[in-house]
Protein backbone atom coordinates (compact mmCIF):
# COMPACT_ATOMS: atom_id res chain seq x y z
CA MET A 1 32.57 32.83 45.28
CA THR A 2 28.86 33.27 44.67
CA THR A 3 26.60 35.81 46.22
CA PRO A 4 23.42 34.40 47.72
CA ALA A 5 20.18 35.58 46.17
CA SER A 6 17.95 37.83 48.19
CA PRO A 7 14.69 36.39 49.56
CA GLY A 8 11.80 36.71 47.13
CA ASN A 9 14.27 37.05 44.28
CA PRO A 10 16.05 33.79 43.59
CA GLY A 11 18.33 35.37 40.99
CA ASN A 12 19.84 33.48 38.08
CA GLU A 13 21.66 30.18 37.95
CA ASP A 14 25.08 31.56 39.08
CA GLY A 15 23.50 33.19 42.12
CA LYS A 16 23.92 36.78 40.90
CA PRO A 17 20.93 39.09 41.37
CA ASP A 18 19.03 40.26 38.30
CA SER A 19 19.90 43.59 36.82
CA ASP A 20 17.66 46.63 37.24
CA GLU A 21 16.42 46.27 33.68
CA ALA A 22 15.00 42.86 34.53
CA HIS A 23 12.78 44.26 37.29
CA SER A 24 9.41 45.82 36.66
CA ALA A 25 9.10 49.53 37.32
CA PHE A 26 5.84 48.79 39.11
CA THR A 27 6.00 47.53 42.72
CA PRO A 28 2.65 46.20 43.98
CA PRO A 29 1.43 47.40 47.36
CA LEU A 30 1.59 45.24 50.42
CA GLY A 31 -0.91 42.38 50.26
CA VAL A 32 -1.31 42.47 46.48
CA PRO A 33 0.04 39.35 44.75
CA LEU A 34 2.71 39.67 42.11
CA PRO A 35 1.63 39.38 38.48
CA PRO A 36 2.21 36.02 36.79
CA ALA A 37 5.61 35.40 35.28
CA PRO A 38 5.88 35.77 31.48
CA GLU A 39 5.84 32.74 29.27
CA PRO A 40 9.32 31.30 28.72
CA GLU A 41 8.88 31.11 24.98
CA GLY A 42 6.94 32.92 22.28
CA SER A 43 5.68 36.45 21.93
CA ALA A 44 3.52 38.28 24.43
CA PHE A 45 1.17 39.18 21.57
CA SER A 46 -1.72 36.80 21.12
CA PRO A 47 -3.33 36.88 17.67
CA PRO A 48 -7.12 36.83 17.45
CA SER A 49 -8.87 33.50 17.39
CA GLY A 50 -9.04 31.94 13.96
CA THR A 51 -5.92 33.68 12.68
CA THR A 52 -2.47 32.26 12.15
CA PRO A 53 0.45 34.45 13.20
CA PRO A 54 3.00 35.10 10.47
CA PRO A 55 6.41 33.44 10.83
CA ALA A 56 8.96 35.37 12.79
CA SER A 57 11.75 36.99 10.85
CA GLY A 58 14.80 34.83 10.89
CA THR A 59 12.83 31.59 11.21
CA GLY A 60 14.04 29.00 8.75
CA PRO A 61 15.73 25.65 8.48
CA GLY A 62 18.77 26.95 10.33
CA THR A 63 16.86 28.63 13.13
CA PRO A 64 16.13 26.60 16.25
CA SER A 65 12.49 26.13 17.15
CA GLY A 66 11.19 28.35 19.91
CA SER A 67 13.60 31.19 19.18
CA THR A 68 11.88 34.57 18.92
CA THR A 69 12.94 37.99 17.82
CA GLY A 70 11.61 41.45 18.47
CA SER A 71 10.14 41.69 14.99
CA HIS A 72 7.67 38.91 15.65
CA ALA A 73 5.08 41.30 17.10
CA PHE A 74 5.46 43.76 14.25
CA ALA A 75 4.81 41.10 11.63
CA ALA A 76 1.20 40.95 12.79
CA PHE A 77 0.71 44.55 11.71
CA THR A 78 3.00 45.03 8.70
CA PRO A 79 2.68 42.53 5.84
CA PRO A 80 5.91 40.62 5.05
CA GLU A 81 5.83 41.97 1.51
CA GLY A 82 5.59 45.57 2.75
CA ILE A 83 2.92 48.26 2.34
CA PRO A 84 1.47 48.21 -1.19
CA MET A 85 2.03 51.27 -3.33
CA VAL A 86 -1.01 53.47 -3.78
CA ARG A 87 -1.56 54.77 -7.29
CA LEU A 88 -3.86 57.48 -8.55
CA ALA A 89 -6.50 56.73 -11.14
CA SER A 90 -5.99 59.44 -13.73
CA ASP A 91 -9.50 59.09 -15.16
CA ALA A 92 -11.20 59.96 -11.86
CA PRO A 93 -12.15 63.60 -11.17
CA TRP A 94 -9.63 65.53 -9.13
CA GLN A 95 -12.28 66.19 -6.46
CA ASP A 96 -12.59 62.46 -5.70
CA ARG A 97 -8.85 61.86 -5.77
CA MET A 98 -8.06 64.76 -3.46
CA ARG A 99 -10.84 63.92 -0.99
CA ALA A 100 -9.49 60.40 -0.68
CA MET A 101 -5.91 61.59 -0.22
CA LEU A 102 -6.86 64.14 2.42
CA LYS A 103 -8.09 61.33 4.68
CA MET A 104 -4.81 59.42 4.33
CA PRO A 105 -1.83 59.82 6.64
CA VAL A 106 0.99 61.82 5.09
CA ALA A 107 3.28 58.80 4.89
CA GLU A 108 0.73 56.80 2.86
CA ARG A 109 -0.13 59.43 0.25
CA PRO A 110 1.11 58.75 -3.27
CA ALA A 111 3.85 61.06 -4.45
CA PRO A 112 3.04 63.68 -7.10
CA GLU A 113 3.66 62.81 -10.69
CA ALA A 114 7.11 63.69 -11.96
CA LEU A 115 6.95 66.96 -13.89
CA ALA A 116 9.41 68.43 -16.32
CA LYS A 117 10.52 71.58 -14.52
CA ALA A 118 12.46 74.38 -16.10
CA GLU A 119 14.27 75.04 -12.86
CA ALA A 120 16.38 72.32 -11.35
CA GLU A 121 15.62 73.36 -7.78
CA GLY A 122 11.93 72.44 -8.15
CA PRO A 123 8.77 74.50 -7.69
CA ALA A 124 8.79 77.89 -6.01
CA VAL A 125 7.24 76.83 -2.72
CA PRO A 126 6.14 80.30 -1.48
CA ARG A 127 4.43 81.11 -4.78
CA VAL A 128 2.69 77.75 -4.94
CA LEU A 129 1.41 78.17 -1.40
CA ASP A 130 0.28 81.73 -2.16
CA LEU A 131 -1.63 80.56 -5.24
CA THR A 132 -3.16 77.77 -3.18
CA LEU A 133 -4.43 80.24 -0.59
CA ARG A 134 -5.81 82.65 -3.19
CA ILE A 135 -7.76 79.88 -4.89
CA GLY A 136 -9.08 78.61 -1.57
CA GLU A 137 -10.14 82.13 -0.62
CA LEU A 138 -12.30 82.52 -3.72
CA LEU A 139 -13.89 79.11 -3.19
CA LEU A 140 -14.67 79.69 0.48
CA ALA A 141 -15.97 83.20 -0.18
CA GLY A 142 -18.21 81.77 -2.92
CA GLY A 143 -19.92 79.33 -0.56
CA GLU A 144 -18.07 76.05 -1.15
CA GLY A 145 -17.98 73.53 1.67
CA ALA A 146 -14.86 73.22 3.81
CA GLU A 147 -14.07 69.73 2.51
CA ASP A 148 -14.25 70.84 -1.11
CA VAL A 149 -12.04 73.85 -0.38
CA GLU A 150 -9.42 71.66 1.30
CA ALA A 151 -9.55 69.23 -1.62
CA ALA A 152 -9.02 72.08 -4.09
CA MET A 153 -6.10 73.51 -2.12
CA PHE A 154 -4.50 70.08 -1.85
CA ALA A 155 -5.00 69.54 -5.59
CA VAL A 156 -3.11 72.73 -6.44
CA GLY A 157 -0.18 71.94 -4.16
CA HIS A 158 -0.03 68.31 -5.29
CA ALA A 159 -0.13 69.28 -8.97
CA TYR A 160 2.91 71.57 -8.55
CA GLY A 161 4.98 68.91 -6.81
CA LEU A 162 4.38 69.64 -3.12
CA ASP A 163 3.56 66.20 -1.75
CA ARG A 164 3.62 67.06 1.98
CA VAL A 165 0.92 69.72 2.02
CA GLU A 166 -1.64 70.04 4.81
CA PRO A 167 -4.44 72.59 4.15
CA THR A 168 -6.73 73.76 6.94
CA VAL A 169 -10.03 75.57 6.42
CA THR A 170 -12.22 77.32 8.96
CA PHE A 171 -15.04 79.79 8.47
CA THR A 172 -12.84 82.83 7.85
CA LEU A 173 -9.25 81.53 7.99
CA LEU A 174 -7.27 79.49 5.48
CA SER A 175 -3.84 78.04 6.17
CA VAL A 176 -1.54 75.60 4.43
CA THR A 177 1.61 73.94 5.71
CA HIS A 178 4.37 72.37 3.64
CA GLN A 179 7.25 70.35 5.06
CA PRO A 180 9.67 69.03 2.41
CA SER A 181 10.95 66.26 4.70
CA LEU A 182 11.08 65.26 8.33
CA VAL A 183 14.39 67.08 8.82
CA ASP A 184 13.37 70.34 7.10
CA ASP A 185 11.55 73.20 8.75
CA PRO A 186 7.87 73.46 7.82
CA VAL A 187 6.52 76.51 5.99
CA THR A 188 3.07 77.71 7.06
CA VAL A 189 1.12 80.54 5.42
CA SER A 190 -2.41 81.72 6.13
CA ARG A 191 -5.00 84.05 4.68
CA THR A 192 -8.17 85.58 6.14
CA VAL A 193 -11.40 85.79 4.16
CA ARG A 194 -12.64 89.32 4.76
CA ARG A 195 -15.56 89.50 2.35
CA ARG A 196 -17.90 86.84 1.08
CA GLY A 197 -20.29 87.06 -1.82
CA THR A 198 -22.31 84.91 -4.18
CA ASP A 199 -21.08 84.65 -7.76
CA TYR A 200 -21.32 81.14 -9.12
CA THR A 201 -19.92 82.24 -12.49
CA ARG A 202 -16.66 83.18 -10.78
CA LEU A 203 -16.82 79.97 -8.73
CA ALA A 204 -17.17 77.87 -11.88
CA ALA A 205 -14.20 79.66 -13.47
CA VAL A 206 -12.03 78.89 -10.42
CA VAL A 207 -13.03 75.21 -10.52
CA ARG A 208 -12.10 75.05 -14.21
CA LEU A 209 -8.72 76.56 -13.38
CA ILE A 210 -8.14 73.89 -10.72
CA ASP A 211 -9.09 71.24 -13.25
CA ASP A 212 -6.49 72.60 -15.70
CA ILE A 213 -3.86 72.75 -12.93
CA SER A 214 -4.57 69.14 -11.92
CA ALA A 215 -4.20 68.08 -15.55
CA HIS A 216 -0.81 69.90 -15.72
CA GLU A 217 -2.04 72.07 -18.59
CA VAL A 218 -1.03 75.44 -17.11
CA THR A 219 2.19 76.63 -15.55
CA LEU A 220 2.41 78.49 -12.28
CA GLU A 221 2.65 81.88 -13.96
CA GLU A 222 -0.24 81.10 -16.31
CA ALA A 223 -2.35 80.07 -13.32
CA TYR A 224 -1.58 83.42 -11.65
CA ARG A 225 -2.63 85.33 -14.76
CA THR A 226 -5.84 83.33 -15.12
CA LEU A 227 -6.72 83.87 -11.47
CA ALA A 228 -6.15 87.61 -11.83
CA GLU A 229 -8.52 87.67 -14.83
CA ILE A 230 -11.15 85.80 -12.83
CA ARG A 231 -10.91 88.36 -10.04
CA ARG A 232 -11.24 91.28 -12.49
CA ASN A 233 -14.28 89.86 -14.28
CA ARG A 234 -17.53 91.68 -13.56
CA HIS A 235 -20.71 89.94 -12.48
CA PRO A 236 -22.63 88.43 -15.41
CA TYR A 237 -25.93 90.18 -14.58
CA PRO A 238 -26.58 93.88 -13.87
CA GLY A 239 -28.09 95.09 -10.61
CA TRP A 240 -31.51 95.86 -12.04
CA LEU A 241 -31.82 92.29 -13.31
CA LEU A 242 -30.97 90.91 -9.87
CA THR A 243 -33.68 93.08 -8.34
CA ALA A 244 -36.17 91.91 -10.96
CA ALA A 245 -35.15 88.30 -10.28
CA ALA A 246 -35.88 88.80 -6.59
CA GLY A 247 -39.36 90.05 -7.46
CA ILE A 248 -40.03 87.19 -9.86
CA LEU A 249 -38.81 84.69 -7.25
CA ALA A 250 -41.21 86.07 -4.62
CA GLY A 251 -44.10 86.17 -7.08
CA ALA A 252 -43.52 82.60 -8.19
CA ALA A 253 -43.22 81.47 -4.57
CA SER A 254 -46.59 83.05 -3.82
CA GLN A 255 -48.12 80.82 -6.49
CA LEU A 256 -46.80 77.76 -4.69
CA VAL A 257 -48.92 78.66 -1.65
CA GLY A 258 -52.15 79.31 -3.55
CA GLY A 259 -51.78 82.89 -4.76
CA GLY A 260 -53.16 84.41 -7.96
CA PRO A 261 -52.01 87.06 -10.45
CA THR A 262 -52.70 89.95 -8.06
CA VAL A 263 -50.80 88.18 -5.30
CA PHE A 264 -47.93 87.58 -7.76
CA ALA A 265 -47.67 91.31 -8.52
CA ALA A 266 -47.91 92.33 -4.87
CA ALA A 267 -45.29 89.82 -3.73
CA ALA A 268 -42.95 90.88 -6.56
CA ILE A 269 -43.25 94.57 -5.68
CA GLY A 270 -42.61 93.88 -1.99
CA ALA A 271 -39.54 91.74 -2.73
CA MET A 272 -38.07 94.30 -5.13
CA LEU A 273 -38.54 97.09 -2.58
CA GLY A 274 -36.88 94.91 0.05
CA ASP A 275 -33.98 94.13 -2.26
CA ARG A 276 -33.33 97.82 -3.01
CA LEU A 277 -33.62 98.67 0.68
CA ALA A 278 -31.08 95.98 1.54
CA TRP A 279 -28.69 97.32 -1.12
CA LEU A 280 -29.09 100.79 0.37
CA CYS A 281 -28.20 99.48 3.84
CA ALA A 282 -25.22 97.59 2.44
CA GLY A 283 -23.95 100.74 0.75
CA ARG A 284 -24.08 102.53 4.11
CA GLY A 285 -21.97 99.82 5.72
CA LEU A 286 -24.66 98.27 7.92
CA PRO A 287 -24.07 94.64 8.97
CA GLU A 288 -25.90 91.90 7.11
CA PHE A 289 -28.26 91.33 10.03
CA TYR A 290 -29.83 94.77 9.57
CA GLN A 291 -29.92 94.26 5.83
CA PHE A 292 -32.15 91.22 6.34
CA VAL A 293 -34.31 93.13 8.82
CA SER A 294 -34.91 95.88 6.27
CA ALA A 295 -35.41 93.45 3.36
CA ALA A 296 -38.12 91.50 5.22
CA MET A 297 -40.25 94.50 6.10
CA PRO A 298 -41.61 95.60 2.65
CA ALA A 299 -43.05 92.15 1.81
CA ALA A 300 -44.84 91.97 5.16
CA LEU A 301 -46.01 95.58 4.74
CA MET A 302 -47.51 94.78 1.32
CA GLY A 303 -49.52 91.93 2.84
CA VAL A 304 -50.80 94.12 5.66
CA LEU A 305 -51.75 96.98 3.31
CA LEU A 306 -53.59 94.65 0.95
CA ASN A 307 -55.49 93.21 3.87
CA LEU A 308 -56.44 96.67 5.09
CA GLY A 309 -57.66 97.59 1.60
CA GLY A 310 -59.88 94.51 1.41
CA THR A 311 -59.24 90.93 0.39
CA ASN A 312 -62.21 90.58 -1.99
CA LEU A 313 -61.46 91.07 -5.66
CA PRO A 314 -63.90 92.70 -8.14
CA GLY A 315 -64.51 89.39 -9.93
CA GLY A 316 -65.55 87.68 -6.74
CA GLY A 317 -62.14 86.21 -5.98
CA HIS A 318 -60.32 86.31 -2.69
CA LEU A 319 -56.97 88.02 -2.22
CA GLN A 320 -54.63 85.97 -0.06
CA ALA A 321 -52.50 88.48 1.81
CA SER A 322 -50.66 85.73 3.65
CA ALA A 323 -49.39 84.37 0.32
CA VAL A 324 -47.82 87.77 -0.39
CA ILE A 325 -45.80 87.66 2.83
CA THR A 326 -44.91 84.00 2.34
CA GLY A 327 -43.63 84.68 -1.18
CA GLY A 328 -41.44 87.50 0.10
CA LEU A 329 -39.86 85.19 2.67
CA TYR A 330 -38.77 82.71 -0.02
CA ALA A 331 -36.39 85.30 -1.43
CA LEU A 332 -34.73 85.83 1.96
CA ILE A 333 -34.33 82.39 3.56
CA PRO A 334 -30.55 81.61 3.52
CA GLY A 335 -30.84 78.15 2.02
CA ARG A 336 -27.33 78.24 0.54
CA ALA A 337 -25.64 78.92 3.88
CA LEU A 338 -27.82 76.32 5.61
CA VAL A 339 -26.91 73.56 3.15
CA ALA A 340 -23.20 74.45 3.39
CA GLY A 341 -23.32 74.47 7.20
CA VAL A 342 -25.02 71.08 7.49
CA GLN A 343 -22.68 69.62 4.87
CA ASP A 344 -19.63 70.79 6.84
CA GLY A 345 -21.04 69.21 9.98
CA LEU A 346 -21.76 65.90 8.26
CA THR A 347 -18.25 65.75 6.79
CA GLY A 348 -16.53 66.42 10.13
CA PHE A 349 -15.73 70.15 9.92
CA TYR A 350 -17.53 71.04 13.12
CA ILE A 351 -15.95 74.45 13.74
CA THR A 352 -16.84 75.71 10.28
CA ALA A 353 -20.28 74.12 10.49
CA SER A 354 -20.97 75.82 13.82
CA ALA A 355 -19.94 79.19 12.41
CA ARG A 356 -22.09 78.76 9.29
CA LEU A 357 -25.14 77.66 11.28
CA LEU A 358 -24.66 80.55 13.69
CA GLU A 359 -24.63 82.88 10.70
CA VAL A 360 -27.85 81.28 9.43
CA MET A 361 -29.42 81.77 12.86
CA TYR A 362 -28.53 85.47 12.89
CA LEU A 363 -29.95 85.97 9.38
CA ILE A 364 -33.18 84.16 10.24
CA VAL A 365 -33.51 86.20 13.43
CA GLY A 366 -33.14 89.32 11.26
CA ILE A 367 -35.99 88.09 9.03
CA VAL A 368 -38.06 87.35 12.13
CA PHE A 369 -37.51 90.87 13.48
CA GLY A 370 -38.45 92.55 10.22
CA VAL A 371 -41.61 90.51 9.64
CA THR A 372 -42.68 90.46 13.28
CA ILE A 373 -42.48 94.26 13.64
CA VAL A 374 -44.79 94.76 10.66
CA LEU A 375 -47.16 91.98 11.69
CA TYR A 376 -47.35 93.34 15.22
CA VAL A 377 -48.38 96.73 13.85
CA GLY A 378 -50.93 95.03 11.61
CA VAL A 379 -52.43 93.10 14.51
CA LYS A 380 -52.75 96.36 16.48
CA LEU A 381 -54.58 97.79 13.47
CA HIS A 382 -56.99 94.80 13.59
CA VAL A 383 -55.73 93.30 10.35
CA ARG A 384 -57.17 89.80 9.96
CA LEU A 385 -54.37 87.56 8.72
CA ASN A 386 -55.67 84.01 8.61
CA PRO A 387 -53.00 81.30 8.22
CA GLU A 388 -55.53 78.84 6.83
CA GLU A 389 -56.09 80.90 3.69
CA ALA A 390 -52.62 80.08 2.32
CA LEU A 391 -52.86 76.30 2.66
CA ARG A 392 -54.39 75.61 -0.78
CA THR A 393 -51.09 74.59 -2.35
CA TYR A 394 -52.04 72.02 -4.99
CA ASP A 395 -55.12 73.34 -6.78
CA ASN A 396 -53.47 73.36 -10.22
CA PRO A 397 -50.42 71.07 -10.61
CA ILE A 398 -49.39 72.60 -13.94
CA VAL A 399 -49.36 76.12 -12.52
CA GLN A 400 -47.47 74.86 -9.50
CA LEU A 401 -44.82 73.19 -11.68
CA VAL A 402 -44.36 76.27 -13.86
CA ALA A 403 -44.11 78.44 -10.75
CA ALA A 404 -41.49 76.13 -9.23
CA MET A 405 -39.38 76.25 -12.39
CA VAL A 406 -39.68 80.04 -12.65
CA LEU A 407 -38.67 80.32 -8.98
CA THR A 408 -35.62 78.14 -9.64
CA LEU A 409 -34.63 80.21 -12.67
CA ALA A 410 -34.90 83.47 -10.73
CA PHE A 411 -32.94 81.98 -7.84
CA ALA A 412 -30.17 80.90 -10.25
CA VAL A 413 -29.96 84.43 -11.66
CA MET A 414 -29.68 85.87 -8.14
CA LEU A 415 -26.83 83.42 -7.45
CA GLN A 416 -25.02 84.69 -10.59
CA CYS A 417 -25.00 81.29 -12.30
CA GLU A 418 -23.63 81.03 -15.83
CA ARG A 419 -26.12 81.44 -18.64
CA ALA A 420 -25.41 77.95 -19.98
CA VAL A 421 -26.32 76.47 -16.58
CA LEU A 422 -29.72 78.15 -16.25
CA PRO A 423 -31.79 75.66 -18.35
CA VAL A 424 -30.32 72.64 -16.57
CA VAL A 425 -30.83 74.16 -13.12
CA THR A 426 -34.42 75.08 -13.99
CA LEU A 427 -35.11 71.52 -15.06
CA ASN A 428 -33.57 70.19 -11.86
CA GLY A 429 -35.84 72.44 -9.78
CA GLY A 430 -38.87 71.20 -11.71
CA ILE A 431 -37.88 67.59 -11.03
CA ALA A 432 -37.55 68.37 -7.34
CA TRP A 433 -41.03 69.86 -7.21
CA VAL A 434 -42.57 66.94 -9.11
CA VAL A 435 -41.00 64.47 -6.70
CA TYR A 436 -42.15 66.48 -3.70
CA GLY A 437 -45.70 66.94 -5.02
CA THR A 438 -46.08 63.29 -5.95
CA LEU A 439 -44.88 62.03 -2.58
CA SER A 440 -46.65 64.62 -0.47
CA HIS A 441 -50.02 64.96 -2.21
CA GLN A 442 -50.43 61.69 -4.08
CA ALA A 443 -48.62 59.18 -1.87
CA ARG A 444 -49.67 61.06 1.32
CA LEU A 445 -46.13 60.98 2.64
CA SER A 446 -45.02 63.30 5.43
CA PRO A 447 -43.95 66.72 4.07
CA ILE A 448 -40.63 66.40 5.86
CA ALA A 449 -39.90 62.97 4.34
CA ALA A 450 -41.07 64.13 0.91
CA THR A 451 -38.81 67.17 1.15
CA ALA A 452 -35.83 65.02 2.11
CA VAL A 453 -36.38 62.66 -0.84
CA ALA A 454 -36.83 65.55 -3.29
CA ALA A 455 -33.68 67.23 -1.96
CA GLY A 456 -31.84 63.92 -2.33
CA MET A 457 -32.83 63.80 -5.99
CA VAL A 458 -31.52 67.34 -6.39
CA GLY A 459 -28.21 66.25 -4.85
CA VAL A 460 -27.91 63.21 -7.12
CA PHE A 461 -28.66 65.10 -10.33
CA GLY A 462 -26.48 68.01 -9.26
CA GLN A 463 -23.51 65.73 -8.60
CA LEU A 464 -24.05 63.92 -11.91
CA LEU A 465 -24.08 67.20 -13.82
CA ALA A 466 -21.05 68.47 -11.93
CA ARG A 467 -19.07 65.31 -12.74
CA TYR A 468 -20.06 65.48 -16.39
CA GLU A 469 -18.96 69.11 -16.63
CA HIS A 470 -16.00 68.72 -14.19
CA ALA A 471 -17.42 71.65 -12.25
CA SER A 472 -18.72 72.49 -8.80
CA ALA A 473 -22.08 71.05 -7.78
CA LEU A 474 -23.26 74.27 -6.08
CA PRO A 475 -24.66 75.97 -9.23
CA TYR A 476 -26.70 72.86 -10.03
CA VAL A 477 -27.96 72.26 -6.49
CA THR A 478 -28.46 75.50 -4.58
CA ALA A 479 -31.03 77.11 -6.89
CA ALA A 480 -32.90 73.83 -7.42
CA ILE A 481 -33.81 73.58 -3.73
CA GLY A 482 -35.58 76.95 -3.86
CA PRO A 483 -39.12 75.52 -4.26
CA LEU A 484 -38.55 73.29 -1.22
CA LEU A 485 -37.61 76.06 1.22
CA PRO A 486 -39.95 76.37 4.25
CA GLY A 487 -41.31 79.83 3.58
CA SER A 488 -44.92 79.15 4.57
CA ALA A 489 -44.01 77.33 7.79
CA THR A 490 -41.77 80.23 8.80
CA TYR A 491 -44.50 82.79 8.17
CA PHE A 492 -47.17 80.80 10.01
CA GLY A 493 -44.91 80.56 13.06
CA LEU A 494 -44.24 84.31 13.10
CA LEU A 495 -47.92 85.10 12.62
CA ALA A 496 -48.91 82.81 15.48
CA PHE A 497 -46.45 84.52 17.82
CA THR A 498 -47.77 87.98 16.95
CA GLN A 499 -51.33 86.75 17.58
CA GLY A 500 -50.39 85.40 21.00
CA ARG A 501 -50.59 81.69 20.10
CA GLN A 502 -47.15 80.62 21.26
CA ASP A 503 -47.87 76.88 21.06
CA LEU A 504 -48.78 77.08 17.39
CA GLY A 505 -45.84 79.36 16.74
CA VAL A 506 -43.33 76.98 18.28
CA ALA A 507 -44.83 74.03 16.39
CA SER A 508 -44.72 75.85 13.06
CA LEU A 509 -41.17 77.11 13.51
CA ALA A 510 -40.08 73.62 14.58
CA LYS A 511 -41.59 72.31 11.35
CA ALA A 512 -39.68 74.96 9.40
CA VAL A 513 -36.42 73.90 11.06
CA ALA A 514 -37.16 70.24 10.33
CA LEU A 515 -37.86 71.03 6.68
CA ALA A 516 -34.64 73.03 6.39
CA LEU A 517 -32.60 70.21 7.91
CA ALA A 518 -34.33 67.70 5.64
CA ILE A 519 -33.29 69.76 2.61
CA ALA A 520 -29.68 70.05 3.74
CA ILE A 521 -29.32 66.38 4.73
CA GLY A 522 -31.11 65.21 1.58
CA VAL A 523 -28.78 67.21 -0.69
CA ASN A 524 -25.69 65.93 1.10
CA LEU A 525 -26.93 62.32 1.19
CA GLY A 526 -27.71 62.37 -2.52
CA GLY A 527 -24.15 63.45 -3.30
CA GLU A 528 -22.66 60.85 -0.94
CA LEU A 529 -24.73 58.04 -2.45
CA LEU A 530 -23.53 58.99 -5.91
CA ARG A 531 -19.90 58.96 -4.74
CA MET A 532 -20.40 55.46 -3.38
CA MET A 533 -21.51 54.23 -6.79
CA VAL A 534 -18.68 55.73 -8.83
CA LYS A 535 -15.27 54.17 -9.41
CA VAL A 536 -12.88 54.24 -6.47
CA PRO A 537 -10.41 57.00 -7.33
CA ILE A 538 -7.29 55.65 -5.65
CA GLY A 539 -6.23 52.04 -6.04
CA GLY A 540 -8.44 50.36 -3.48
CA GLN A 541 -8.53 53.41 -1.19
CA ALA A 542 -11.83 55.24 -0.99
CA ARG A 543 -12.38 58.40 1.00
CA ARG A 544 -11.98 57.33 4.61
CA ALA A 545 -14.71 58.25 7.03
CA ALA A 546 -13.84 59.84 10.32
CA LYS A 547 -14.18 57.69 13.46
CA ARG A 548 -14.31 60.43 16.03
CA THR A 549 -17.50 59.37 17.78
CA ARG A 550 -19.13 56.03 18.45
CA GLY A 551 -22.09 57.12 20.50
CA PHE A 552 -20.43 56.50 23.84
């Protein structure tokens, strides 16, 4: 006896109603037509036009035509021969290999190379993770970008056999997670960066250690001993030399804006006084903001005092007090932090980039406070500071080039670069100034565009030198951008505000911001262009770009 089918649902051939699984979970409202019935044969997946769907699994001479299986839809996404194995190119630098692997899903990363281990149970996971965090802490505290720090941490874990490692870097917090398999509990450790300083000699030593670890030339215990030695090493230059370098940097910068020998001496004295005053504030535990406020005041005070004493020299020359203040600002502008912040933003580390740029903003505001207080007092004392007097920037190209190279050398000493790096960095800074001067004064290109191109050349040469030496690019890049920093535009903006010309002040400070961004973007773009031209580090898999935003 058959059961009649309900109206609207004819049922199957024997008259039985369909099971609940055959019904759709969605019931259309009253008045809305039912969706069309599915095709009787074939898959519901339609391949794009111009493509031929792969044969369904199980299709062959003994399979009837029109029969489909559930794996038909998956064949459009997974090749029949399986996912190809990804292999590492051993001749590529570890930085390129680790950057490419960080952008891969965990399941697609190549497994670490098999190592001969003394212990049968494998690497000591807690000690490997601890070493990874300690190395990442030194890199982040030294000013490395978040992507480079993550690549270094991943390189250490991968070299010691931890293939499922996920490092995470923010502005002050480092963490790394390791999960041996999908059924094992993950292990997560973290470390907070309490203090940050600039010592590129220590940074270079850490990068060399990572290079040895990636090449499997040091054991875990040897890596710990080497890292302890790096931490104990003193800075390569004494304090008095750093103070002298700050003075030489300010004096050389004053030559770039049309100063003379007297201006050089005045700017150097002001910068050295500011440096010692900042060290005094740091020794008393004052925050870095107040250190920058105090460091900016002596240079501005020297310019005001020279203007009060008279700007005419005995030989008939003219003393440019504005060049003294501008030179002092060159030694204070946080170009290193700005480049790192923009680089983190361009590579997708937006939290770290926001924190770095906020730090740069606070430091620049500190400089503004220090200079503005002194300039305001000078204006009240009827000091005539004319911005136009510091615009003669290309009277003698040879003097300008020598000043740019001396500025770069002093900047490299302040950054604690290795002695062997100083000549190369100085040459890179000279190349940057030649490119900028040629484009800006000979080709009449916009100063912002000329700055971006010159910074791009610095990034290209810095990356080339870093790859040749298997080292970090920061020592070769950061000091070389010193001659390009917007010291004069910053001073002109502050002076205009103190004189009550807000429109000129906003325009000048906007130009300074544009120049700073041009430097940061140019340096990053130069490095990225070089990476595009080098050999792909992982068999056919380059570093994948993030697709977080599309503009809509």
